Amino acid sequence: MARLAGKVAFITGGGGGIGRATAERFAEEGAKVVIAEIDVSRGDAAAESARARAKNSGGDAHFIHCDIREKSMVEAAFAETIERFGKLTILHNNAGGSTLQDGSVTDAPEEEFWRAIKLDLYGTFLCSKIGIPHIIKSGGGSIINMTSSIALSAVPGRDCYTAAKGAIAALTRSMAVEYAKQKIRVNAIAPSVTLSDRVKKLLEGSKDIEKLATTHLFGLGLPIHMADMAVYLASDEAAITTGQILVVDSGATIW
């Protein structure tokens, strides 16, 4: 039996990288998947790919245009999810990312700080705020946030991104305690360098990230590695796993 049969997942930033890989894996494992994505062409393509991967698993995928920084769009996206699939049991707060404008506290533009905070942290907060009541009505489920290994170990020159991802790690733990009574598990995945298209561009322009890449024991991670962890966290196999920051980093944080 498919590991996510009967489950309905909402994935933010599902048009590419980790989000798309997760949407494809969720559909393969029988979930009905909503891809909430700001880029229409990427979102459509990801939904089509996920539907193709579903085959006979019972999985499905649907794209909804959504900017997770805009409350009205998030509310509409969840409403459409419920209307289409009847419930919500998995929320994957995946949307986010750093840019080459990041830097140290004294050098980074204030605009970059607020960009990271609003997209990564506020987006996670807002989607959780609006999505959790739907998960409660569905009888519980799983929330999967995305933090980063840099929230756990020091990496210079990325203080805006570090601030946002560190806050998400803390928020994950407090949410896990807060909503356990409603049968909601809350965990976070902490990747290190993951070779999505966006990160490949960062690798080209950042010596700090290039140096970090050399410390990975099994080589750099791929989006599928994060997606496979997300499948576990979304499934009933993780029935008592909550409040955890699961580091998927090819060993980069241990040496």
Foldseek 3Di string as FASTA:
>chain_A
DQQQAPAEEEFEQLLWFLNLLLLLNNLCSHYAYEYEYQDVVSQVVSQVNSQVSNPPNNYHYDYQHAQLLDLVRLLVSVVVSCVVSVAHAEYEHEWADADPQFFAPVRRDPVRLVVRQSTQAVSLVSNCVNRVVRNLVVQEFEYEHEAACCCVPPQHTHVSNNVSRVVVLVVQLVVQVVCVVSQYAGEYEHEYQEPIPRSVVVCVPDPSSVVLQVQQQVGHHYSNQSSVVVSCRRGCVCSPDHSYYHYDYNCSVVD
